[in-house]
Structure formats: structure tokens, C-alpha cells
Amino acid sequence: MDITAMGLTELGQLLAGRQLSAPEIARAFLDRIRLEDSRWHSYLTLCEERAMTRAKAAQRALDGGTAGPLTGLPLAVKDNICIHGIRTTCASRMLADFVPPYTATAVERLEGAGMVVLGKTNMDEFAMGSTSQTSCFGGPENPAAPGRVPGGSSGGSAAAVAAGLAPAALGTDTGGSVQQPAAFCGLTGLRPTYGAVSRYGLIAFASSMDQIGPIARTPADCRLLFRAMAGQDPRDATSRKGTPPAAGGDAYIKTIGLPVEFYKDLSPETAALAARTAAAFENLGWRVREVSLPSYRYGVAAYYLLSSAEAASNLSRYDGVRYGLSGRGNTYAERVTDSRNRGFGREVERRILLGNYALSRGYYQQYYQRAAAVRESLRAEFDALFSACRLLLVPTAPEPAWPVGQKDSQPAEQYAADACTVPASLAGLPALTFPAGRTAAGLPVGMSLMGRAFDEEALLDAAEAFLEGGGV
């Protein structure tokens, strides 16, 4: 059997039936990584010795009858999520030698459930980008569409799963960085409700939007990981246990809204697959209706102003003295300048500049406060929509993955690719991307379901029903 072609659910069944052992599974993935990842460049650091030690411990739990549903299953982790003793770089020269003295709560919980971390995956530098090509170590390639980008910023995590180098992976989503890579690589990716998963141990980009989420082959696999990670954490004041919303009547439970603004400016094949996906949900018994989210048109601008402002604040700690790459010079100012010149890449510098500009005297009200007002408008509009619709169905991206290098000199075009994902991030809502078919050229296209806060189970149930029914 091809172990590396399987997802978490299949591997878990084989482990429970004693048809495979945890060390066999870990070894199969590690061997394939060493054999094939020179092509995809999805990993930055392998944890081979640590992984095998933990796989043997997991097997003892399996043999002793104390195992859970995740015991012995492998996992890849994005390289902005800290693991004690394992290099964590954010794909930046600024943190090229950083080894954390602590482990992120999300990883701690998954390892506590018996999972085996294989390694740390490639990404956009400090999670800033839509292609994963801003990594200072060189960007990954898309195994589901060779020669094209895997999406960003969790592109390494998505590429690892798509290439069979991990059955599932953790990514982080600030403005769509779990959803877009999952869509580009033909996978399922969940952005949880803001606060549903602890951010402790996640190196911050935009703290009011960052969330850790799973990328996997199926909604069922995402469900396993989400349930194990979720929950309040005393080390993260923004984390919440959360209560799933009341469902309402039968008509409400089976109503999906199609926000018309999301369906404009799509590539022809994306639009066609989106229409077929909506029709498939109708065939499954859902009532599908058009709705409107007027503030959508301002979403990208508001997101980049707010996230860049938060990034400028979060990254100000990297001064070459207390944090980050050691600076050279005779004065504090010289050391800061040297550290940042050598430590930060162009995209990170661009966003720091934009963020500081938006926060500066004379522009704060003109830009930052207006972006914050858009955020509140989006929240109010989502509340109104979810009073009539249980879920919303939208394209994950306006177009499929583009060739590596095609938009490197066009940051505004890359930012526009986030148009369909940033509204959920701004509103703090959950969103689940799932495969919706392929174009004539074989490029994956993803669709996303959005729901009310802490309604992740409804998203997962709907996507599972769609895929079990044959999709489009």
C-alpha cells in the first residue's frame, strides 16, 4: 500500500487495525520527503530523530490501549508556529537561527493527542504574501499544478500535503493564508473563528486576525485536527471556548447565500465551477439564494491597511539588539538599520512602510480609522446575512494558481487575489475551503463556505456532504 497517499482518517483506521505501526508511517513520510522535496521545497526543517522517537512512544500507547484517534499520525507545521528546540524562522533572515524555548499551544495539544511532527514548512516571510515566494530560502512549488505557485502564505504546508509529504499540516490564516493555498493545491483548509484556537506560540503578523488552521485532504481530517486544537487557553487572552449558534428552523438550516459581489471579476472557468458548485448544493436539498455584502468592495483595501498597521507594530521589536538578526554599528540607530536592512525582505519592508504611514500623524484618521469603519460595516452586514442564511458559499480566489514569478513585480495584483478571503478574516468568522473541481488545464479550483462564529461543524458537515455526493 502507498502509505503517503493516505489521509489522517485512513491511516488512523490502519493503525487501529494493527495493519501499520506508527514508526512505519513516520518512516514512510520521512523517506519520501528526502526523496522528493528537493523538487517542491515544501519543508525548511526536518525533525527526523524527534519524529521517530515520538512515533515509537505513540506505538507504545497504541499497543497499551491508551491511544486516541490522532495517536501516531504525522503532521507538518508551518514555520511561524513555535516548537521547543526546533528552529523556527518565519522564512526570514531575521529569525534564521531562532530556536524557541516553548511550544505553541496548538502543537502542544496535537502532540499531547499523540501526533508526530515531521518538520517545519516553507512560507511567505513573516506570513506576508499570496504565493509563498517571499521566503528568504526560496519559495515552494505547487505539486497539484507544477510550475505554479502553491498560494500563500501557508504554501509550504499545502504543498507538503499535495505532494504526499505529510497527510495534513498546520497553516496560519490572517487574510486567507490557509484557504488560498488549500484551493490552489486541491485540498481542504479551515480558517477557524478568531479565538477558537490559541495564538500562543504563533509569531505575530496581524494579531487581531491571525489564526492557526488545518490543511488536509478531507473535511473529516480537518475536523479531527480542529477539535483537538480548539479551546480556551489561559496563555492567550483572545482565545475563547465559544458556543455554536442556535440553528433556527428547517428552512434556515438548509439555506445557503451567494453574495453577488464575490462572483464578479472571476476567471471564466472559476465562475463556471462556482455555478456548478451552487447547483450541486441545490441538488443536495439546500435552498440557494443570492444575497449582498456591499462593503466587500472595500475589503482588500481595509485588510491591507489594518494588517500592515498591526505588522508595523509587531515587527518593531526586531531591533538587532533584543530581538532578531544582530545588527552592526556603533550606535543603536546604526544597529537597528543594519539589522533590518539585512533581515527583512522587500514585501515585509513594504508592509511596514504602509503600516507606519497609515498610523502616522495626519493620516491615522484618513486611512486607519476608515479601514476600521469598513471592518465594523462588514461585521454588521454578515450579522444581517446570517439571520437569513445558515452558510455563505463563495469562490476562494478569483482565479486558479498562476505561474511562479508571473506576479512578483505586481504586488497589487497579488493583493487582489485575496478579495474573496479577507472579509471572513476582518469579521473574525470561520471559513472552510474545499475542492470544487479543475479547469480544462487541470488546475484546482476551490470554493469556501463561511458561517457564524463557532459554527465550524456546520461548515464541515456541508462540505463533507458535497464531496460525498460527488462534488461537481
Protein backbone atom coordinates (compact mmCIF):
# COMPACT_ATOMS: atom_id res chain seq x y z
CA MET A 1 0.00 0.00 0.00
CA ASP A 2 1.07 3.59 -0.63
CA ILE A 3 1.12 4.99 2.88
CA THR A 4 1.94 8.51 1.76
CA ALA A 5 -1.16 8.74 -0.46
CA MET A 6 -3.46 8.43 2.55
CA GLY A 7 -5.05 11.00 4.81
CA LEU A 8 -5.37 11.02 8.57
CA THR A 9 -8.64 9.08 8.72
CA GLU A 10 -7.37 6.22 6.56
CA LEU A 11 -4.06 5.99 8.40
CA GLY A 12 -5.85 6.06 11.74
CA GLN A 13 -8.02 3.11 10.70
CA LEU A 14 -4.95 1.11 9.66
CA LEU A 15 -3.21 1.90 12.95
CA ALA A 16 -6.29 0.86 14.93
CA GLY A 17 -6.49 -2.39 12.94
CA ARG A 18 -2.79 -3.10 13.57
CA GLN A 19 -2.14 -3.18 9.82
CA LEU A 20 0.53 -0.49 10.20
CA SER A 21 2.67 0.84 13.04
CA ALA A 22 3.32 4.47 13.89
CA PRO A 23 7.09 4.16 13.18
CA GLU A 24 6.33 2.62 9.77
CA ILE A 25 4.10 5.55 8.87
CA ALA A 26 6.58 8.17 10.08
CA ARG A 27 9.45 6.48 8.25
CA ALA A 28 7.46 6.29 5.00
CA PHE A 29 6.79 10.03 5.02
CA LEU A 30 10.32 10.98 6.08
CA ASP A 31 11.80 8.81 3.32
CA ARG A 32 9.54 10.39 0.72
CA ILE A 33 10.43 13.87 1.94
CA ARG A 34 14.13 13.13 1.49
CA LEU A 35 13.48 11.64 -1.93
CA GLU A 36 11.13 14.24 -3.43
CA ASP A 37 11.15 17.54 -1.54
CA SER A 38 14.13 18.88 -3.45
CA ARG A 39 11.55 19.42 -6.23
CA TRP A 40 8.78 21.03 -4.17
CA HIS A 41 10.81 22.74 -1.41
CA SER A 42 7.87 22.47 0.98
CA TYR A 43 9.95 21.91 4.15
CA LEU A 44 12.53 24.17 5.75
CA THR A 45 13.46 21.95 8.70
CA LEU A 46 13.03 18.20 9.23
CA CYS A 47 12.59 16.77 12.75
CA GLU A 48 13.61 13.23 11.80
CA GLU A 49 15.10 11.98 15.08
CA ARG A 50 12.44 13.67 17.17
CA ALA A 51 9.68 12.31 14.92
CA MET A 52 10.88 8.73 15.16
CA THR A 53 11.19 8.96 18.95
CA ARG A 54 7.64 10.24 19.22
CA ALA A 55 6.35 7.64 16.75
CA LYS A 56 7.79 4.86 18.93
CA ALA A 57 6.15 6.39 22.00
CA ALA A 58 2.85 6.59 20.11
CA GLN A 59 3.13 2.93 19.19
CA ARG A 60 3.55 2.02 22.85
CA ALA A 61 0.30 3.87 23.57
CA LEU A 62 -1.40 2.03 20.72
CA ASP A 63 -0.15 -1.31 21.98
CA GLY A 64 -1.21 -0.46 25.53
CA GLY A 65 -4.74 0.51 24.55
CA THR A 66 -4.41 4.14 25.65
CA ALA A 67 -4.40 5.70 22.16
CA GLY A 68 -6.77 8.34 20.81
CA PRO A 69 -7.90 9.00 17.21
CA LEU A 70 -4.76 11.03 16.40
CA THR A 71 -2.16 8.84 18.10
CA GLY A 72 0.74 8.00 15.78
CA LEU A 73 -0.43 10.19 12.89
CA PRO A 74 2.13 12.51 11.21
CA LEU A 75 1.79 16.27 10.85
CA ALA A 76 3.71 19.13 9.24
CA VAL A 77 3.80 22.55 10.92
CA LYS A 78 4.18 25.98 9.32
CA ASP A 79 7.45 27.66 10.25
CA ASN A 80 5.90 30.56 12.15
CA ILE A 81 4.47 28.22 14.81
CA CYS A 82 6.94 27.59 17.62
CA ILE A 83 8.11 24.16 18.76
CA HIS A 84 10.53 23.89 21.67
CA GLY A 85 14.05 23.15 20.50
CA ILE A 86 13.18 23.22 16.77
CA ARG A 87 14.41 26.09 14.56
CA THR A 88 11.53 28.43 13.72
CA THR A 89 12.44 31.03 11.10
CA CYS A 90 9.25 32.60 9.65
CA ALA A 91 11.19 32.09 6.37
CA SER A 92 13.15 35.25 7.23
CA ARG A 93 16.83 36.04 7.65
CA MET A 94 15.74 37.98 10.72
CA LEU A 95 14.97 34.70 12.54
CA ALA A 96 17.20 32.30 10.61
CA ASP A 97 18.80 30.95 13.81
CA PHE A 98 15.88 31.30 16.25
CA VAL A 99 15.20 28.20 18.38
CA PRO A 100 12.12 28.69 20.61
CA PRO A 101 12.21 27.78 24.31
CA TYR A 102 8.47 26.94 24.25
CA THR A 103 5.85 25.17 22.12
CA ALA A 104 2.69 26.71 20.66
CA THR A 105 -0.49 25.60 22.40
CA ALA A 106 -1.97 24.22 19.15
CA VAL A 107 1.06 21.97 18.60
CA GLU A 108 1.22 21.10 22.29
CA ARG A 109 -2.36 19.84 22.16
CA LEU A 110 -1.85 17.84 18.97
CA GLU A 111 1.34 16.26 20.27
CA GLY A 112 -0.46 15.60 23.55
CA ALA A 113 -3.00 13.68 21.47
CA GLY A 114 -0.14 11.56 20.10
CA MET A 115 0.62 13.22 16.77
CA VAL A 116 4.11 13.11 15.28
CA VAL A 117 5.56 16.35 13.84
CA LEU A 118 7.65 15.63 10.74
CA GLY A 119 9.06 19.12 10.22
CA LYS A 120 8.52 22.84 9.66
CA THR A 121 7.15 24.02 6.32
CA ASN A 122 8.06 26.84 3.96
CA MET A 123 6.03 30.04 3.81
CA ASP A 124 5.96 33.69 2.83
CA GLU A 125 8.33 35.70 5.02
CA PHE A 126 6.52 36.55 8.26
CA ALA A 127 3.37 35.21 6.55
CA MET A 128 3.24 38.24 4.23
CA GLY A 129 2.36 37.25 0.69
CA SER A 130 -0.01 35.35 -1.60
CA THR A 131 2.46 32.97 -3.23
CA SER A 132 4.96 31.74 -0.58
CA GLN A 133 7.67 33.05 -2.90
CA THR A 134 8.81 35.78 -0.48
CA SER A 135 10.57 33.12 1.64
CA CYS A 136 14.22 34.05 2.04
CA PHE A 137 15.06 30.37 1.49
CA GLY A 138 13.34 30.23 -1.90
CA GLY A 139 9.67 29.53 -2.42
CA PRO A 140 7.87 26.17 -2.81
CA GLU A 141 6.19 24.92 -5.96
CA ASN A 142 2.65 23.59 -6.35
CA PRO A 143 2.60 19.75 -6.72
CA ALA A 144 -1.01 19.88 -7.92
CA ALA A 145 -0.03 22.32 -10.69
CA PRO A 146 3.73 22.06 -11.32
CA GLY A 147 5.37 25.31 -12.31
CA ARG A 148 2.73 27.34 -10.47
CA VAL A 149 2.59 28.90 -7.03
CA PRO A 150 1.04 26.92 -4.16
CA GLY A 151 -0.54 30.06 -2.74
CA GLY A 152 0.45 31.97 0.35
CA SER A 153 1.39 32.33 2.97
CA SER A 154 0.93 28.68 4.03
CA GLY A 155 2.11 27.40 0.65
CA GLY A 156 4.69 25.03 2.10
CA SER A 157 2.08 23.33 4.26
CA ALA A 158 -0.30 22.92 1.32
CA ALA A 159 2.48 21.72 -0.98
CA ALA A 160 3.61 19.12 1.57
CA VAL A 161 0.11 17.63 1.76
CA ALA A 162 -0.48 17.80 -2.00
CA ALA A 163 2.85 16.06 -2.71
CA GLY A 164 2.21 13.26 -0.21
CA LEU A 165 4.94 14.52 2.12
CA ALA A 166 2.50 14.81 5.03
CA PRO A 167 -1.10 13.62 5.48
CA ALA A 168 -2.02 17.00 7.00
CA ALA A 169 -0.39 20.24 8.07
CA LEU A 170 -0.94 23.33 10.17
CA GLY A 171 -1.03 26.69 8.46
CA THR A 172 -1.93 30.16 9.63
CA ASP A 173 -4.62 32.39 8.19
CA THR A 174 -4.53 36.17 8.51
CA GLY A 175 -6.26 37.17 5.28
CA GLY A 176 -6.77 33.82 3.58
CA SER A 177 -3.41 32.10 4.05
CA VAL A 178 -4.94 28.70 4.84
CA GLN A 179 -7.81 28.95 2.39
CA GLN A 180 -5.97 30.15 -0.73
CA PRO A 181 -3.14 27.56 -0.62
CA ALA A 182 -5.67 24.80 0.03
CA ALA A 183 -7.66 25.93 -3.02
CA PHE A 184 -4.60 26.24 -5.27
CA CYS A 185 -3.41 22.76 -4.27
CA GLY A 186 -6.78 20.96 -4.45
CA LEU A 187 -7.12 20.44 -0.68
CA THR A 188 -9.39 21.30 2.24
CA GLY A 189 -8.41 24.12 4.59
CA LEU A 190 -10.17 25.56 7.64
CA ARG A 191 -9.81 29.07 8.99
CA PRO A 192 -11.35 28.82 12.48
CA THR A 193 -13.34 31.54 14.22
CA TYR A 194 -10.99 34.16 15.66
CA GLY A 195 -10.19 32.99 19.18
CA ALA A 196 -11.26 29.37 18.66
CA VAL A 197 -7.62 28.21 18.50
CA SER A 198 -4.98 29.70 20.78
CA ARG A 199 -2.39 32.01 19.20
CA TYR A 200 0.14 31.33 21.96
CA GLY A 201 3.39 30.37 20.25
CA LEU A 202 2.37 31.82 16.89
CA ILE A 203 4.80 34.53 15.76
CA ALA A 204 2.54 37.52 15.18
CA PHE A 205 1.78 39.20 11.88
CA ALA A 206 -1.60 40.94 12.48
CA SER A 207 -2.74 39.95 15.94
CA SER A 208 -6.43 40.79 15.51
CA MET A 209 -6.76 38.40 12.56
CA ASP A 210 -4.09 35.66 12.87
CA GLN A 211 -5.46 32.14 13.33
CA ILE A 212 -3.90 28.68 13.19
CA GLY A 213 -5.85 26.27 10.99
CA PRO A 214 -5.53 22.80 9.43
CA ILE A 215 -4.86 21.91 5.79
CA ALA A 216 -5.72 18.31 4.90
CA ARG A 217 -7.10 16.05 2.21
CA THR A 218 -10.69 15.96 3.51
CA PRO A 219 -13.09 17.86 5.77
CA ALA A 220 -13.07 14.83 8.10
CA ASP A 221 -9.31 15.19 8.59
CA CYS A 222 -9.67 18.93 9.23
CA ARG A 223 -12.35 18.16 11.79
CA LEU A 224 -10.02 15.81 13.70
CA LEU A 225 -7.31 18.46 13.94
CA PHE A 226 -9.63 21.34 14.74
CA ARG A 227 -11.36 19.51 17.58
CA ALA A 228 -8.01 18.62 19.14
CA MET A 229 -6.63 22.18 18.89
CA ALA A 230 -9.66 24.27 19.78
CA GLY A 231 -10.49 25.65 23.19
CA GLN A 232 -9.65 28.40 25.60
CA ASP A 233 -6.04 28.87 26.65
CA PRO A 234 -5.04 30.91 29.73
CA ARG A 235 -1.88 31.94 27.89
CA ASP A 236 -3.89 33.68 25.14
CA ALA A 237 -6.34 36.33 26.36
CA THR A 238 -8.09 36.40 22.97
CA SER A 239 -8.89 32.66 22.99
CA ARG A 240 -12.45 31.59 23.73
CA LYS A 241 -14.24 28.31 24.21
CA GLY A 242 -17.18 29.54 22.14
CA THR A 243 -20.72 28.23 21.77
CA PRO A 244 -22.07 27.05 18.41
CA PRO A 245 -25.01 29.25 17.38
CA ALA A 246 -28.61 28.03 17.61
CA ALA A 247 -29.71 26.60 14.28
CA GLY A 248 -33.25 28.03 13.89
CA GLY A 249 -35.96 26.45 11.73
CA ASP A 250 -35.61 23.89 8.93
CA ALA A 251 -35.70 26.49 6.15
CA TYR A 252 -32.91 28.44 7.83
CA ILE A 253 -30.80 25.35 8.49
CA LYS A 254 -30.78 24.47 4.78
CA THR A 255 -30.26 27.96 3.30
CA ILE A 256 -27.01 28.99 1.59
CA GLY A 257 -26.42 32.57 0.50
CA LEU A 258 -24.42 33.57 -2.57
CA PRO A 259 -23.05 37.11 -2.02
CA VAL A 260 -23.18 38.54 -5.53
CA GLU A 261 -20.14 40.79 -5.01
CA PHE A 262 -17.86 37.74 -4.62
CA TYR A 263 -18.89 36.40 -8.03
CA LYS A 264 -17.72 39.42 -10.03
CA ASP A 265 -14.31 39.56 -11.71
CA LEU A 266 -13.82 35.78 -11.68
CA SER A 267 -11.93 33.92 -14.39
CA PRO A 268 -14.43 32.20 -16.75
CA GLU A 269 -13.58 28.68 -15.57
CA THR A 270 -13.73 29.69 -11.89
CA ALA A 271 -17.16 31.25 -12.50
CA ALA A 272 -18.38 28.10 -14.22
CA LEU A 273 -17.21 25.82 -11.42
CA ALA A 274 -18.71 28.18 -8.83
CA ALA A 275 -22.09 27.95 -10.56
CA ARG A 276 -21.86 24.16 -10.72
CA THR A 277 -21.00 24.02 -7.02
CA ALA A 278 -24.06 26.08 -6.11
CA ALA A 279 -26.21 23.81 -8.28
CA ALA A 280 -24.76 20.73 -6.56
CA PHE A 281 -25.78 22.12 -3.16
CA GLU A 282 -29.31 22.69 -4.51
CA ASN A 283 -29.38 19.04 -5.59
CA LEU A 284 -28.43 18.09 -2.03
CA GLY A 285 -31.55 19.83 -0.74
CA TRP A 286 -30.18 23.26 0.12
CA ARG A 287 -32.10 26.41 -0.70
CA VAL A 288 -29.64 28.67 -2.55
CA ARG A 289 -30.34 32.39 -2.79
CA GLU A 290 -28.46 35.48 -3.92
CA VAL A 291 -27.58 37.99 -1.20
CA SER A 292 -25.44 41.12 -0.99
CA LEU A 293 -22.44 42.25 1.07
CA PRO A 294 -21.94 45.88 -0.06
CA SER A 295 -18.76 46.52 1.96
CA TYR A 296 -16.99 43.69 0.12
CA ARG A 297 -15.65 46.22 -2.41
CA TYR A 298 -13.56 47.86 0.35
CA GLY A 299 -12.36 44.62 1.93
CA VAL A 300 -8.93 44.33 0.33
CA ALA A 301 -8.01 47.96 0.99
CA ALA A 302 -9.22 47.79 4.60
CA TYR A 303 -7.44 44.50 5.22
CA TYR A 304 -4.08 45.69 3.91
CA LEU A 305 -4.25 48.93 5.87
CA LEU A 306 -5.22 47.24 9.15
CA SER A 307 -2.94 44.21 8.82
CA SER A 308 0.03 46.34 7.76
CA ALA A 309 -0.52 48.69 10.70
CA GLU A 310 -0.50 45.74 13.09
CA ALA A 311 2.52 44.24 11.34
CA ALA A 312 4.45 47.50 11.69
CA SER A 313 3.74 47.42 15.42
CA ASN A 314 4.51 43.71 15.89
CA LEU A 315 7.74 43.79 13.89
CA SER A 316 9.07 46.89 15.64
CA ARG A 317 10.55 44.57 18.29
CA TYR A 318 13.16 43.34 15.79
CA ASP A 319 15.82 45.93 16.50
CA GLY A 320 19.00 43.89 16.18
CA VAL A 321 19.67 44.27 19.90
CA ARG A 322 16.95 42.46 21.85
CA TYR A 323 15.34 40.50 19.01
CA GLY A 324 16.27 39.28 15.57
CA LEU A 325 19.40 39.39 13.49
CA SER A 326 22.25 41.02 15.40
CA GLY A 327 22.88 44.49 14.00
CA ARG A 328 26.28 46.01 13.25
CA GLY A 329 27.23 49.59 14.04
CA ASN A 330 28.46 51.97 16.70
CA THR A 331 25.11 53.45 17.69
CA TYR A 332 21.67 52.00 18.41
CA ALA A 333 20.26 53.60 15.25
CA GLU A 334 23.03 52.09 13.11
CA ARG A 335 22.46 48.64 14.58
CA VAL A 336 18.70 48.80 14.02
CA THR A 337 19.18 49.98 10.44
CA ASP A 338 21.73 47.26 9.65
CA SER A 339 19.63 44.50 11.24
CA ARG A 340 16.51 45.43 9.31
CA ASN A 341 18.30 46.04 6.02
CA ARG A 342 19.80 42.56 6.14
CA GLY A 343 16.96 40.80 7.98
CA PHE A 344 13.77 41.86 6.22
CA GLY A 345 12.79 41.14 2.64
CA ARG A 346 11.11 43.56 0.26
CA GLU A 347 7.50 42.52 0.95
CA VAL A 348 7.94 42.80 4.71
CA GLU A 349 9.53 46.23 4.29
CA ARG A 350 6.68 47.30 2.02
CA ARG A 351 4.06 46.41 4.62
CA ILE A 352 5.97 48.00 7.49
CA LEU A 353 6.15 51.23 5.47
CA LEU A 354 2.45 51.07 4.60
CA GLY A 355 1.53 50.35 8.21
CA ASN A 356 3.59 53.17 9.66
CA TYR A 357 2.21 55.55 7.06
CA ALA A 358 -1.38 54.60 7.96
CA LEU A 359 -0.65 55.13 11.65
CA SER A 360 1.27 58.36 11.27
CA ARG A 361 0.04 61.75 12.43
CA GLY A 362 -2.15 63.34 9.80
CA TYR A 363 -3.07 60.05 8.12
CA TYR A 364 -4.44 57.96 11.01
CA GLN A 365 -7.99 59.29 10.63
CA GLN A 366 -7.83 59.35 6.86
CA TYR A 367 -6.72 55.74 6.46
CA TYR A 368 -6.62 53.61 9.61
CA GLN A 369 -9.90 54.78 11.13
CA ARG A 370 -11.74 54.49 7.82
CA ALA A 371 -10.42 50.94 7.40
CA ALA A 372 -11.61 50.13 10.93
CA ALA A 373 -15.04 51.51 10.00
CA VAL A 374 -15.16 49.18 6.98
CA ARG A 375 -14.41 46.29 9.32
CA GLU A 376 -17.38 47.19 11.52
CA SER A 377 -19.61 47.55 8.45
CA LEU A 378 -18.62 44.07 7.28
CA ARG A 379 -19.42 42.61 10.69
CA ALA A 380 -22.85 44.22 10.70
CA GLU A 381 -23.58 43.07 7.14
CA PHE A 382 -22.53 39.50 7.95
CA ASP A 383 -24.80 39.53 11.01
CA ALA A 384 -27.71 40.56 8.79
CA LEU A 385 -26.94 37.84 6.23
CA PHE A 386 -26.65 35.12 8.85
CA SER A 387 -30.07 36.00 10.21
CA ALA A 388 -31.48 34.62 6.96
CA CYS A 389 -28.79 32.15 5.77
CA ARG A 390 -27.05 29.39 7.70
CA LEU A 391 -23.99 29.49 5.41
CA LEU A 392 -22.49 31.56 2.62
CA LEU A 393 -20.85 29.99 -0.44
CA VAL A 394 -18.13 31.97 -2.25
CA PRO A 395 -15.13 31.33 -4.54
CA THR A 396 -11.89 31.06 -2.59
CA ALA A 397 -9.91 33.01 -5.20
CA PRO A 398 -10.86 34.85 -8.40
CA GLU A 399 -8.56 32.62 -10.48
CA PRO A 400 -6.52 29.41 -10.18
CA ALA A 401 -2.82 29.34 -9.29
CA TRP A 402 -0.62 31.40 -11.59
CA PRO A 403 2.90 30.53 -12.84
CA VAL A 404 5.80 31.09 -10.43
CA GLY A 405 7.24 34.56 -10.96
CA GLN A 406 4.34 35.89 -13.04
CA LYS A 407 3.16 38.47 -10.50
CA ASP A 408 6.33 39.03 -8.49
CA SER A 409 6.60 42.63 -9.70
CA GLN A 410 2.85 43.28 -9.36
CA PRO A 411 2.03 43.27 -5.62
CA ALA A 412 -1.34 44.96 -6.18
CA GLU A 413 -2.47 42.06 -8.39
CA GLN A 414 -1.40 39.59 -5.73
CA TYR A 415 -3.32 41.54 -3.09
CA ALA A 416 -6.44 41.42 -5.30
CA ALA A 417 -6.25 37.61 -5.20
CA ASP A 418 -7.23 37.85 -1.51
CA ALA A 419 -10.53 39.62 -2.26
CA CYS A 420 -12.68 36.58 -1.50
CA THR A 421 -10.93 35.56 1.72
CA VAL A 422 -10.27 38.82 3.60
CA PRO A 423 -13.94 39.53 4.55
CA ALA A 424 -14.08 36.49 6.87
CA SER A 425 -10.75 37.50 8.41
CA LEU A 426 -11.88 41.07 9.05
CA ALA A 427 -15.09 39.84 10.66
CA GLY A 428 -13.38 37.05 12.65
CA LEU A 429 -15.62 34.37 11.09
CA PRO A 430 -14.83 30.75 10.20
CA ALA A 431 -14.32 29.75 6.57
CA LEU A 432 -13.72 26.33 5.02
CA THR A 433 -12.19 25.85 1.58
CA PHE A 434 -12.83 22.58 -0.27
CA PRO A 435 -12.08 21.28 -3.81
CA ALA A 436 -14.69 22.28 -6.39
CA GLY A 437 -13.15 20.73 -9.49
CA ARG A 438 -10.44 21.55 -12.00
CA THR A 439 -10.12 23.72 -15.07
CA ALA A 440 -9.62 22.31 -18.56
CA ALA A 441 -5.86 22.66 -17.95
CA GLY A 442 -6.13 20.60 -14.76
CA LEU A 443 -5.73 23.49 -12.30
CA PRO A 444 -7.56 23.04 -8.97
CA VAL A 445 -10.33 25.47 -8.05
CA GLY A 446 -11.60 25.84 -4.51
CA MET A 447 -14.85 27.13 -3.04
CA SER A 448 -15.37 28.37 0.50
CA LEU A 449 -18.21 28.12 2.98
CA MET A 450 -18.49 30.84 5.63
CA GLY A 451 -20.59 30.72 8.77
CA ARG A 452 -21.32 32.44 12.04
CA ALA A 453 -18.75 32.46 14.81
CA PHE A 454 -18.04 28.98 16.23
CA ASP A 455 -20.17 27.27 13.57
CA GLU A 456 -17.22 25.26 12.18
CA GLU A 457 -19.08 21.95 12.49
CA ALA A 458 -21.82 23.17 10.14
CA LEU A 459 -19.19 24.15 7.54
CA LEU A 460 -17.51 20.77 7.82
CA ASP A 461 -20.81 18.87 7.60
CA ALA A 462 -21.87 20.75 4.46
CA ALA A 463 -18.52 20.28 2.70
CA GLU A 464 -18.46 16.57 3.59
CA ALA A 465 -21.96 16.12 2.14
CA PHE A 466 -20.96 17.95 -1.04
CA LEU A 467 -17.82 15.85 -1.57
CA GLU A 468 -19.51 12.57 -0.64
CA GLY A 469 -22.20 13.40 -3.18
CA GLY A 470 -19.57 13.55 -5.90
CA GLY A 471 -18.87 17.27 -5.89
CA VAL A 472 -19.45 19.00 -9.21
